[in-house]
Amino acid sequence: MKKLLVTLGILALTSISAQANCDDFVCPVNPHLSNGFIRGLGSVTGTNLLAEKTAQSILKNQIKKEAQGDFDIKLKSFSLSDLKAGRFKSLEITGKNVIAEDIHLSMLKLKTLCDYNYIVVDEKKKTTTFKEDFGMAFATTITEEDLNNTMRANGYQNLINEINSMGKSIKLFKITTSHAKLRNNQLLYIVQVSFPLLNTKQKIVISSDVSVNNGKLYLSHTKILNDYFKADLSKISYLVNYLNPLNFTLGILENKDATLTVREAAIKNNKIDIDGTIIVLKDVVTENKE
């Protein structure tokens, strides 16, 4: 049971590229519905309640090895035997002031989409098999402070260095600093750029909204606000979105065997709210970390 919970924690808190199509996702048929009376009795026994509490405590401890924050775990099972076998009804993870892999989030919530989940762990082979399609909804809140803490970390600075390597090769520009502000429900991306040929530095302020297209998060309606620069950046939006700190932040929710799809994103009360889904399809086998 512990290995199963570790896997769920890793799924929620690791970052690699994603693949598959969440539109194909359908909740598996819950076999317990046909004998709900029997399972219903099992779900209220003291043994099962104790197993749920124990599992919640194990998962919370494992997540805290991967991330800092205040976490609340709610796990519902059908019975003790089902839980040991990797079958459970629901899982909900709520984290506040989360820090993981240099990513900062004021709030992160993950909740299973279906009322039947089945994941089998092979301790000898150190693998985990998703016996049914598995899905979680996620919601997160990102503040200005979260963004800037994330942007100061090494991972995001590597993106800046990649852009600078392009500018250096033609001796055209170099980004020396970058930070973000949230003002009037818009994201302000502020960079200081040096121009070696002109021997000067300029601060460039880019305003942006957030939008969702085909399950991906984008900075949209980007404009330069400086008095000495006035331009619509739509033609080079790919460059702006390459440095998009929000996509960098969402990378923490992705896994090489999972699909992250953004459903909605908005800036409200100068905070960024994003929600969507994370899907792992049936028969996916993952290797367990030690």
C-alpha atoms as a PDB file:
ATOM      1  CA  MET A   1       0.000   0.000   0.000  1.00  0.00           C
ATOM      2  CA  LYS A   2       2.843   2.371   0.810  1.00  0.00           C
ATOM      3  CA  LYS A   3       4.367   1.959  -2.667  1.00  0.00           C
ATOM      4  CA  LEU A   4       1.032   2.882  -4.270  1.00  0.00           C
ATOM      5  CA  LEU A   5       0.823   6.099  -2.282  1.00  0.00           C
ATOM      6  CA  VAL A   6       4.401   7.012  -3.071  1.00  0.00           C
ATOM      7  CA  THR A   7       3.590   6.629  -6.756  1.00  0.00           C
ATOM      8  CA  LEU A   8       0.625   8.980  -6.461  1.00  0.00           C
ATOM      9  CA  GLY A   9       2.772  11.520  -4.685  1.00  0.00           C
ATOM     10  CA  ILE A  10       5.442  11.345  -7.363  1.00  0.00           C
ATOM     11  CA  LEU A  11       2.808  11.611 -10.098  1.00  0.00           C
ATOM     12  CA  ALA A  12       1.555  14.818  -8.546  1.00  0.00           C
ATOM     13  CA  LEU A  13       4.941  16.363  -7.888  1.00  0.00           C
ATOM     14  CA  THR A  14       7.376  15.546 -10.713  1.00  0.00           C
ATOM     15  CA  SER A  15       7.984  17.239 -14.051  1.00  0.00           C
ATOM     16  CA  ILE A  16       8.721  15.830 -17.524  1.00  0.00           C
ATOM     17  CA  SER A  17       7.042  16.213 -20.931  1.00  0.00           C
ATOM     18  CA  ALA A  18       3.509  14.896 -21.437  1.00  0.00           C
ATOM     19  CA  GLN A  19       1.754  12.847 -24.092  1.00  0.00           C
ATOM     20  CA  ALA A  20      -1.677  11.288 -24.924  1.00  0.00           C
ATOM     21  CA  ASN A  21      -5.065  12.929 -25.333  1.00  0.00           C
ATOM     22  CA  CYS A  22      -7.234  13.576 -22.292  1.00  0.00           C
ATOM     23  CA  ASP A  23     -10.324  13.869 -24.514  1.00  0.00           C
ATOM     24  CA  ASP A  24     -10.132  10.066 -24.830  1.00  0.00           C
ATOM     25  CA  PHE A  25     -10.473   9.707 -21.072  1.00  0.00           C
ATOM     26  CA  VAL A  26     -13.524   7.858 -19.746  1.00  0.00           C
ATOM     27  CA  CYS A  27     -13.953   6.807 -16.129  1.00  0.00           C
ATOM     28  CA  PRO A  28     -13.712   3.035 -15.678  1.00  0.00           C
ATOM     29  CA  VAL A  29     -16.803   1.089 -14.692  1.00  0.00           C
ATOM     30  CA  ASN A  30     -16.979   0.761 -10.929  1.00  0.00           C
ATOM     31  CA  PRO A  31     -17.450  -2.979 -10.231  1.00  0.00           C
ATOM     32  CA  HIS A  32     -18.503  -2.184  -6.666  1.00  0.00           C
ATOM     33  CA  LEU A  33     -21.775  -0.632  -7.783  1.00  0.00           C
ATOM     34  CA  SER A  34     -23.243  -4.071  -8.434  1.00  0.00           C
ATOM     35  CA  ASN A  35     -22.649  -5.115  -4.834  1.00  0.00           C
ATOM     36  CA  GLY A  36     -22.697  -1.720  -3.186  1.00  0.00           C
ATOM     37  CA  PHE A  37     -24.449  -3.036  -0.094  1.00  0.00           C
ATOM     38  CA  ILE A  38     -21.524  -5.322   0.736  1.00  0.00           C
ATOM     39  CA  ARG A  39     -18.948  -2.638   0.035  1.00  0.00           C
ATOM     40  CA  GLY A  40     -21.012  -0.088   1.915  1.00  0.00           C
ATOM     41  CA  LEU A  41     -20.814  -2.201   5.077  1.00  0.00           C
ATOM     42  CA  GLY A  42     -17.065  -2.540   4.644  1.00  0.00           C
ATOM     43  CA  SER A  43     -16.563   1.183   4.228  1.00  0.00           C
ATOM     44  CA  VAL A  44     -17.905   1.977   7.710  1.00  0.00           C
ATOM     45  CA  THR A  45     -15.958  -0.613   9.685  1.00  0.00           C
ATOM     46  CA  GLY A  46     -13.330   0.563  12.136  1.00  0.00           C
ATOM     47  CA  THR A  47     -10.661  -1.457  10.323  1.00  0.00           C
ATOM     48  CA  ASN A  48     -11.303   0.310   7.035  1.00  0.00           C
ATOM     49  CA  LEU A  49     -11.402   3.758   8.639  1.00  0.00           C
ATOM     50  CA  LEU A  50      -8.097   3.033  10.353  1.00  0.00           C
ATOM     51  CA  ALA A  51      -6.611   1.888   7.038  1.00  0.00           C
ATOM     52  CA  GLU A  52      -7.705   5.157   5.383  1.00  0.00           C
ATOM     53  CA  LYS A  53      -6.168   7.238   8.172  1.00  0.00           C
ATOM     54  CA  THR A  54      -2.943   5.245   7.968  1.00  0.00           C
ATOM     55  CA  ALA A  55      -2.782   5.600   4.188  1.00  0.00           C
ATOM     56  CA  GLN A  56      -3.417   9.358   4.408  1.00  0.00           C
ATOM     57  CA  SER A  57      -0.595   9.729   6.923  1.00  0.00           C
ATOM     58  CA  ILE A  58       1.820   7.709   4.750  1.00  0.00           C
ATOM     59  CA  LEU A  59       1.014   9.723   1.637  1.00  0.00           C
ATOM     60  CA  LYS A  60       1.369  13.014   3.508  1.00  0.00           C
ATOM     61  CA  ASN A  61       4.800  12.009   4.815  1.00  0.00           C
ATOM     62  CA  GLN A  62       5.947  10.884   1.361  1.00  0.00           C
ATOM     63  CA  ILE A  63       4.787  14.095  -0.324  1.00  0.00           C
ATOM     64  CA  LYS A  64       6.627  16.125   2.310  1.00  0.00           C
ATOM     65  CA  LYS A  65       9.822  14.366   1.248  1.00  0.00           C
ATOM     66  CA  GLU A  66       9.297  15.799  -2.242  1.00  0.00           C
ATOM     67  CA  ALA A  67       7.834  19.201  -1.353  1.00  0.00           C
ATOM     68  CA  GLN A  68       7.453  21.814   1.339  1.00  0.00           C
ATOM     69  CA  GLY A  69       4.021  23.098   2.332  1.00  0.00           C
ATOM     70  CA  ASP A  70       0.964  22.479   4.428  1.00  0.00           C
ATOM     71  CA  PHE A  71      -0.787  19.411   2.967  1.00  0.00           C
ATOM     72  CA  ASP A  72      -4.175  17.894   3.685  1.00  0.00           C
ATOM     73  CA  ILE A  73      -4.903  14.382   2.363  1.00  0.00           C
ATOM     74  CA  LYS A  74      -8.296  12.722   2.013  1.00  0.00           C
ATOM     75  CA  LEU A  75      -8.415   9.111   0.842  1.00  0.00           C
ATOM     76  CA  LYS A  76     -11.581   7.030   0.554  1.00  0.00           C
ATOM     77  CA  SER A  77     -11.443   3.257   0.078  1.00  0.00           C
ATOM     78  CA  PHE A  78     -13.947   0.480  -0.541  1.00  0.00           C
ATOM     79  CA  SER A  79     -12.433  -1.919   1.968  1.00  0.00           C
ATOM     80  CA  LEU A  80      -9.133  -2.808   3.573  1.00  0.00           C
ATOM     81  CA  SER A  81      -8.523  -5.648   1.096  1.00  0.00           C
ATOM     82  CA  ASP A  82      -9.286  -3.373  -1.872  1.00  0.00           C
ATOM     83  CA  LEU A  83      -6.921  -0.708  -0.592  1.00  0.00           C
ATOM     84  CA  LYS A  84      -4.104  -3.225  -0.162  1.00  0.00           C
ATOM     85  CA  ALA A  85      -4.732  -4.425  -3.723  1.00  0.00           C
ATOM     86  CA  GLY A  86      -4.515  -0.864  -5.083  1.00  0.00           C
ATOM     87  CA  ARG A  87      -8.229  -0.215  -5.570  1.00  0.00           C
ATOM     88  CA  PHE A  88      -9.644   2.921  -3.977  1.00  0.00           C
ATOM     89  CA  LYS A  89     -12.611   5.245  -4.332  1.00  0.00           C
ATOM     90  CA  SER A  90     -11.070   8.722  -4.281  1.00  0.00           C
ATOM     91  CA  LEU A  91      -8.015  10.756  -3.365  1.00  0.00           C
ATOM     92  CA  GLU A  92      -7.833  14.491  -2.702  1.00  0.00           C
ATOM     93  CA  ILE A  93      -4.601  16.392  -2.021  1.00  0.00           C
ATOM     94  CA  THR A  94      -4.690  20.056  -0.980  1.00  0.00           C
ATOM     95  CA  GLY A  95      -1.461  21.968  -0.465  1.00  0.00           C
ATOM     96  CA  LYS A  96      -0.878  25.539   0.694  1.00  0.00           C
ATOM     97  CA  ASN A  97       2.360  27.498   0.218  1.00  0.00           C
ATOM     98  CA  VAL A  98       3.823  24.632  -1.817  1.00  0.00           C
ATOM     99  CA  ILE A  99       7.477  24.605  -2.846  1.00  0.00           C
ATOM    100  CA  ALA A 100       8.710  21.727  -4.993  1.00  0.00           C
ATOM    101  CA  GLU A 101      11.634  21.625  -7.423  1.00  0.00           C
ATOM    102  CA  ASP A 102      11.993  25.417  -7.003  1.00  0.00           C
ATOM    103  CA  ILE A 103       8.369  25.956  -8.060  1.00  0.00           C
ATOM    104  CA  HIS A 104       6.247  28.101  -5.726  1.00  0.00           C
ATOM    105  CA  LEU A 105       2.442  27.806  -5.521  1.00  0.00           C
ATOM    106  CA  SER A 106       0.162  29.479  -2.990  1.00  0.00           C
ATOM    107  CA  MET A 107      -2.395  26.721  -3.455  1.00  0.00           C
ATOM    108  CA  LEU A 108      -2.454  23.361  -5.218  1.00  0.00           C
ATOM    109  CA  LYS A 109      -5.413  20.988  -5.208  1.00  0.00           C
ATOM    110  CA  LEU A 110      -5.550  17.550  -6.839  1.00  0.00           C
ATOM    111  CA  LYS A 111      -8.637  15.337  -6.833  1.00  0.00           C
ATOM    112  CA  THR A 112      -9.365  12.047  -8.590  1.00  0.00           C
ATOM    113  CA  LEU A 113     -11.972  12.305 -11.346  1.00  0.00           C
ATOM    114  CA  CYS A 114     -13.531   8.874 -10.928  1.00  0.00           C
ATOM    115  CA  ASP A 115     -15.156   6.864  -8.140  1.00  0.00           C
ATOM    116  CA  TYR A 116     -13.053   3.798  -8.954  1.00  0.00           C
ATOM    117  CA  ASN A 117      -9.250   3.806  -9.266  1.00  0.00           C
ATOM    118  CA  TYR A 118      -7.029   0.756  -9.710  1.00  0.00           C
ATOM    119  CA  ILE A 119      -3.232   0.851  -9.562  1.00  0.00           C
ATOM    120  CA  VAL A 120      -1.067  -2.240  -9.007  1.00  0.00           C
ATOM    121  CA  VAL A 121       2.437  -2.101  -7.553  1.00  0.00           C
ATOM    122  CA  ASP A 122       4.992  -4.872  -8.180  1.00  0.00           C
ATOM    123  CA  GLU A 123       7.594  -4.480  -5.454  1.00  0.00           C
ATOM    124  CA  LYS A 124       9.922  -7.101  -6.953  1.00  0.00           C
ATOM    125  CA  LYS A 125      10.034  -5.505 -10.403  1.00  0.00           C
ATOM    126  CA  LYS A 126       9.736  -2.015  -8.871  1.00  0.00           C
ATOM    127  CA  THR A 127       6.989  -1.051 -11.285  1.00  0.00           C
ATOM    128  CA  THR A 128       3.512   0.443 -11.029  1.00  0.00           C
ATOM    129  CA  THR A 129       0.776  -0.497 -13.499  1.00  0.00           C
ATOM    130  CA  PHE A 130      -2.325   1.593 -14.048  1.00  0.00           C
ATOM    131  CA  LYS A 131      -4.965  -1.104 -14.465  1.00  0.00           C
ATOM    132  CA  GLU A 132      -7.606   1.462 -15.441  1.00  0.00           C
ATOM    133  CA  ASP A 133      -7.519   4.957 -16.912  1.00  0.00           C
ATOM    134  CA  PHE A 134      -6.595   7.286 -14.060  1.00  0.00           C
ATOM    135  CA  GLY A 135      -7.449  10.977 -13.885  1.00  0.00           C
ATOM    136  CA  MET A 136      -7.043  13.870 -11.484  1.00  0.00           C
ATOM    137  CA  ALA A 137      -8.414  17.392 -11.627  1.00  0.00           C
ATOM    138  CA  PHE A 138      -6.028  20.103 -10.510  1.00  0.00           C
ATOM    139  CA  ALA A 139      -6.428  23.720  -9.467  1.00  0.00           C
ATOM    140  CA  THR A 140      -3.686  26.123  -8.481  1.00  0.00           C
ATOM    141  CA  THR A 141      -3.307  29.746  -7.402  1.00  0.00           C
ATOM    142  CA  ILE A 142      -0.138  31.673  -8.202  1.00  0.00           C
ATOM    143  CA  THR A 143       0.696  35.062  -6.688  1.00  0.00           C
ATOM    144  CA  GLU A 144       3.206  37.703  -7.751  1.00  0.00           C
ATOM    145  CA  GLU A 145       5.516  36.523  -4.986  1.00  0.00           C
ATOM    146  CA  ASP A 146       5.208  32.923  -6.208  1.00  0.00           C
ATOM    147  CA  LEU A 147       6.165  33.926  -9.745  1.00  0.00           C
ATOM    148  CA  ASN A 148       9.232  35.882  -8.682  1.00  0.00           C
ATOM    149  CA  ASN A 149      10.464  33.184  -6.331  1.00  0.00           C
ATOM    150  CA  THR A 150      10.150  30.663  -9.175  1.00  0.00           C
ATOM    151  CA  MET A 151      11.861  32.967 -11.674  1.00  0.00           C
ATOM    152  CA  ARG A 152      14.852  33.392  -9.359  1.00  0.00           C
ATOM    153  CA  ALA A 153      15.472  29.636  -9.275  1.00  0.00           C
ATOM    154  CA  ASN A 154      18.093  27.861 -11.392  1.00  0.00           C
ATOM    155  CA  GLY A 155      15.579  26.073 -13.612  1.00  0.00           C
ATOM    156  CA  TYR A 156      14.019  29.263 -14.926  1.00  0.00           C
ATOM    157  CA  GLN A 157      17.390  30.977 -15.195  1.00  0.00           C
ATOM    158  CA  ASN A 158      18.432  28.206 -17.589  1.00  0.00           C
ATOM    159  CA  LEU A 159      15.678  29.418 -19.958  1.00  0.00           C
ATOM    160  CA  ILE A 160      17.086  32.937 -19.762  1.00  0.00           C
ATOM    161  CA  ASN A 161      20.562  31.592 -20.503  1.00  0.00           C
ATOM    162  CA  GLU A 162      19.279  29.807 -23.620  1.00  0.00           C
ATOM    163  CA  ILE A 163      17.834  33.060 -24.958  1.00  0.00           C
ATOM    164  CA  ASN A 164      21.020  34.919 -24.073  1.00  0.00           C
ATOM    165  CA  SER A 165      23.112  32.390 -25.970  1.00  0.00           C
ATOM    166  CA  MET A 166      21.177  33.343 -29.110  1.00  0.00           C
ATOM    167  CA  GLY A 167      21.755  37.035 -28.520  1.00  0.00           C
ATOM    168  CA  LYS A 168      25.398  36.514 -27.678  1.00  0.00           C
ATOM    169  CA  SER A 169      26.107  34.676 -30.917  1.00  0.00           C
ATOM    170  CA  ILE A 170      25.186  37.795 -32.891  1.00  0.00           C
ATOM    171  CA  LYS A 171      26.295  40.260 -30.186  1.00  0.00           C
ATOM    172  CA  LEU A 172      22.842  41.804 -30.227  1.00  0.00           C
ATOM    173  CA  PHE A 173      21.361  41.550 -26.718  1.00  0.00           C
ATOM    174  CA  LYS A 174      21.529  39.974 -23.293  1.00  0.00           C
ATOM    175  CA  ILE A 175      18.776  39.691 -20.679  1.00  0.00           C
ATOM    176  CA  THR A 176      20.380  40.725 -17.384  1.00  0.00           C
ATOM    177  CA  THR A 177      17.382  40.606 -15.027  1.00  0.00           C
ATOM    178  CA  SER A 178      13.733  39.575 -15.144  1.00  0.00           C
ATOM    179  CA  HIS A 179      10.789  39.684 -12.758  1.00  0.00           C
ATOM    180  CA  ALA A 180       7.002  39.819 -12.818  1.00  0.00           C
ATOM    181  CA  LYS A 181       4.217  41.972 -11.413  1.00  0.00           C
ATOM    182  CA  LEU A 182       0.463  41.481 -11.292  1.00  0.00           C
ATOM    183  CA  ARG A 183      -1.315  44.807 -11.724  1.00  0.00           C
ATOM    184  CA  ASN A 184      -4.916  45.554 -12.693  1.00  0.00           C
ATOM    185  CA  ASN A 185      -5.414  41.844 -13.401  1.00  0.00           C
ATOM    186  CA  GLN A 186      -2.639  41.784 -15.976  1.00  0.00           C
ATOM    187  CA  LEU A 187       0.732  40.102 -15.908  1.00  0.00           C
ATOM    188  CA  LEU A 188       3.643  42.478 -16.321  1.00  0.00           C
ATOM    189  CA  TYR A 189       6.840  40.750 -17.409  1.00  0.00           C
ATOM    190  CA  ILE A 190       9.773  43.090 -16.791  1.00  0.00           C
ATOM    191  CA  VAL A 191      13.214  42.474 -18.231  1.00  0.00           C
ATOM    192  CA  GLN A 192      16.384  44.518 -18.349  1.00  0.00           C
ATOM    193  CA  VAL A 193      18.235  44.012 -21.597  1.00  0.00           C
ATOM    194  CA  SER A 194      21.745  45.100 -22.456  1.00  0.00           C
ATOM    195  CA  PHE A 195      22.651  45.952 -26.061  1.00  0.00           C
ATOM    196  CA  PRO A 196      26.434  45.485 -26.467  1.00  0.00           C
ATOM    197  CA  LEU A 197      26.638  47.249 -29.826  1.00  0.00           C
ATOM    198  CA  LEU A 198      24.980  50.339 -28.361  1.00  0.00           C
ATOM    199  CA  ASN A 199      26.697  50.034 -24.989  1.00  0.00           C
ATOM    200  CA  THR A 200      23.397  50.609 -23.212  1.00  0.00           C
ATOM    201  CA  LYS A 201      20.741  48.909 -21.097  1.00  0.00           C
ATOM    202  CA  GLN A 202      16.987  49.268 -21.326  1.00  0.00           C
ATOM    203  CA  LYS A 203      14.135  48.097 -19.121  1.00  0.00           C
ATOM    204  CA  ILE A 204      11.344  46.546 -21.161  1.00  0.00           C
ATOM    205  CA  VAL A 205       7.890  46.060 -19.650  1.00  0.00           C
ATOM    206  CA  ILE A 206       5.611  43.573 -21.413  1.00  0.00           C
ATOM    207  CA  SER A 207       1.942  43.427 -20.436  1.00  0.00           C
ATOM    208  CA  SER A 208      -0.039  40.263 -21.034  1.00  0.00           C
ATOM    209  CA  ASP A 209      -3.290  38.434 -20.433  1.00  0.00           C
ATOM    210  CA  VAL A 210      -3.485  34.660 -20.032  1.00  0.00           C
ATOM    211  CA  SER A 211      -5.449  32.417 -22.370  1.00  0.00           C
ATOM    212  CA  VAL A 212      -5.971  28.717 -23.075  1.00  0.00           C
ATOM    213  CA  ASN A 213      -5.844  27.083 -26.501  1.00  0.00           C
ATOM    214  CA  ASN A 214      -5.992  23.319 -27.137  1.00  0.00           C
ATOM    215  CA  GLY A 215      -5.241  22.587 -23.512  1.00  0.00           C
ATOM    216  CA  LYS A 216      -2.127  24.771 -23.353  1.00  0.00           C
ATOM    217  CA  LEU A 217      -1.592  27.989 -21.420  1.00  0.00           C
ATOM    218  CA  TYR A 218      -0.391  31.045 -23.342  1.00  0.00           C
ATOM    219  CA  LEU A 219       0.452  34.664 -22.697  1.00  0.00           C
ATOM    220  CA  SER A 220      -1.817  36.631 -25.028  1.00  0.00           C
ATOM    221  CA  HIS A 221      -2.386  40.239 -26.117  1.00  0.00           C
ATOM    222  CA  THR A 222       1.246  40.949 -25.293  1.00  0.00           C
ATOM    223  CA  LYS A 223       2.352  44.571 -25.625  1.00  0.00           C
ATOM    224  CA  ILE A 224       5.406  46.641 -24.729  1.00  0.00           C
ATOM    225  CA  LEU A 225       4.457  49.473 -22.376  1.00  0.00           C
ATOM    226  CA  ASN A 226       7.650  51.537 -22.364  1.00  0.00           C
ATOM    227  CA  ASP A 227       7.509  55.101 -23.679  1.00  0.00           C
ATOM    228  CA  TYR A 228      10.491  54.470 -25.939  1.00  0.00           C
ATOM    229  CA  PHE A 229       9.114  51.145 -27.164  1.00  0.00           C
ATOM    230  CA  LYS A 230       5.557  50.742 -28.436  1.00  0.00           C
ATOM    231  CA  ALA A 231       4.847  47.512 -30.267  1.00  0.00           C
ATOM    232  CA  ASP A 232       2.430  44.644 -30.638  1.00  0.00           C
ATOM    233  CA  LEU A 233       4.357  41.461 -29.930  1.00  0.00           C
ATOM    234  CA  SER A 234       1.918  39.049 -31.525  1.00  0.00           C
ATOM    235  CA  LYS A 235       4.365  38.258 -34.338  1.00  0.00           C
ATOM    236  CA  ILE A 236       7.006  37.103 -31.865  1.00  0.00           C
ATOM    237  CA  SER A 237       4.631  35.623 -29.293  1.00  0.00           C
ATOM    238  CA  TYR A 238       6.471  32.301 -29.520  1.00  0.00           C
ATOM    239  CA  LEU A 239       9.534  33.974 -27.952  1.00  0.00           C
ATOM    240  CA  VAL A 240       7.497  35.582 -25.191  1.00  0.00           C
ATOM    241  CA  ASN A 241       5.774  32.286 -24.438  1.00  0.00           C
ATOM    242  CA  TYR A 242       9.099  30.467 -24.435  1.00  0.00           C
ATOM    243  CA  LEU A 243       9.954  32.509 -21.345  1.00  0.00           C
ATOM    244  CA  ASN A 244       6.422  32.180 -19.956  1.00  0.00           C
ATOM    245  CA  PRO A 245       6.952  31.598 -16.211  1.00  0.00           C
ATOM    246  CA  LEU A 246       3.453  30.131 -15.877  1.00  0.00           C
ATOM    247  CA  ASN A 247       4.163  27.235 -18.241  1.00  0.00           C
ATOM    248  CA  PHE A 248       7.439  26.675 -16.423  1.00  0.00           C
ATOM    249  CA  THR A 249       5.464  26.515 -13.167  1.00  0.00           C
ATOM    250  CA  LEU A 250       2.890  24.047 -14.540  1.00  0.00           C
ATOM    251  CA  GLY A 251       5.695  21.710 -15.552  1.00  0.00           C
ATOM    252  CA  ILE A 252       5.709  20.441 -11.979  1.00  0.00           C
ATOM    253  CA  LEU A 253       2.362  18.738 -12.584  1.00  0.00           C
ATOM    254  CA  GLU A 254       3.477  16.826 -15.668  1.00  0.00           C
ATOM    255  CA  ASN A 255       5.003  13.382 -15.844  1.00  0.00           C
ATOM    256  CA  LYS A 256       6.421  11.456 -18.794  1.00  0.00           C
ATOM    257  CA  ASP A 257       3.491   9.038 -18.623  1.00  0.00           C
ATOM    258  CA  ALA A 258       0.795  11.646 -18.017  1.00  0.00           C
ATOM    259  CA  THR A 259      -1.092  14.316 -19.927  1.00  0.00           C
ATOM    260  CA  LEU A 260      -1.676  17.737 -18.435  1.00  0.00           C
ATOM    261  CA  THR A 261      -4.515  19.726 -20.003  1.00  0.00           C
ATOM    262  CA  VAL A 262      -5.315  23.282 -18.947  1.00  0.00           C
ATOM    263  CA  ARG A 263      -9.050  23.980 -18.950  1.00  0.00           C
ATOM    264  CA  GLU A 264      -9.279  27.532 -17.613  1.00  0.00           C
ATOM    265  CA  ALA A 265      -6.883  30.303 -16.633  1.00  0.00           C
ATOM    266  CA  ALA A 266      -7.623  33.798 -15.412  1.00  0.00           C
ATOM    267  CA  ILE A 267      -6.082  36.651 -13.458  1.00  0.00           C
ATOM    268  CA  LYS A 268      -8.442  37.672 -10.648  1.00  0.00           C
ATOM    269  CA  ASN A 269      -7.691  39.955  -7.722  1.00  0.00           C
ATOM    270  CA  ASN A 270      -4.130  40.069  -9.035  1.00  0.00           C
ATOM    271  CA  LYS A 271      -3.731  36.332  -8.566  1.00  0.00           C
ATOM    272  CA  ILE A 272      -3.514  33.735 -11.330  1.00  0.00           C
ATOM    273  CA  ASP A 273      -5.983  30.843 -11.091  1.00  0.00           C
ATOM    274  CA  ILE A 274      -5.416  27.813 -13.325  1.00  0.00           C
ATOM    275  CA  ASP A 275      -7.296  24.525 -13.440  1.00  0.00           C
ATOM    276  CA  GLY A 276      -7.304  21.453 -15.610  1.00  0.00           C
ATOM    277  CA  THR A 277      -6.730  17.704 -15.634  1.00  0.00           C
ATOM    278  CA  ILE A 278      -3.905  15.187 -15.389  1.00  0.00           C
ATOM    279  CA  ILE A 279      -4.517  11.852 -17.131  1.00  0.00           C
ATOM    280  CA  VAL A 280      -2.690   8.511 -17.161  1.00  0.00           C
ATOM    281  CA  LEU A 281      -4.121   5.932 -19.543  1.00  0.00           C
ATOM    282  CA  LYS A 282      -4.788   2.271 -18.805  1.00  0.00           C
ATOM    283  CA  ASP A 283      -1.892  -0.215 -18.976  1.00  0.00           C
ATOM    284  CA  VAL A 284       0.796   2.436 -18.521  1.00  0.00           C
ATOM    285  CA  VAL A 285       3.691   0.949 -16.533  1.00  0.00           C
ATOM    286  CA  THR A 286       6.044   3.216 -14.629  1.00  0.00           C
ATOM    287  CA  GLU A 287       9.294   2.513 -12.797  1.00  0.00           C
ATOM    288  CA  ASN A 288       9.243   3.257  -9.091  1.00  0.00           C
ATOM    289  CA  LYS A 289      11.850   5.541  -7.605  1.00  0.00           C
ATOM    290  CA  GLU A 290      13.763   4.388  -4.583  1.00  0.00           C
END
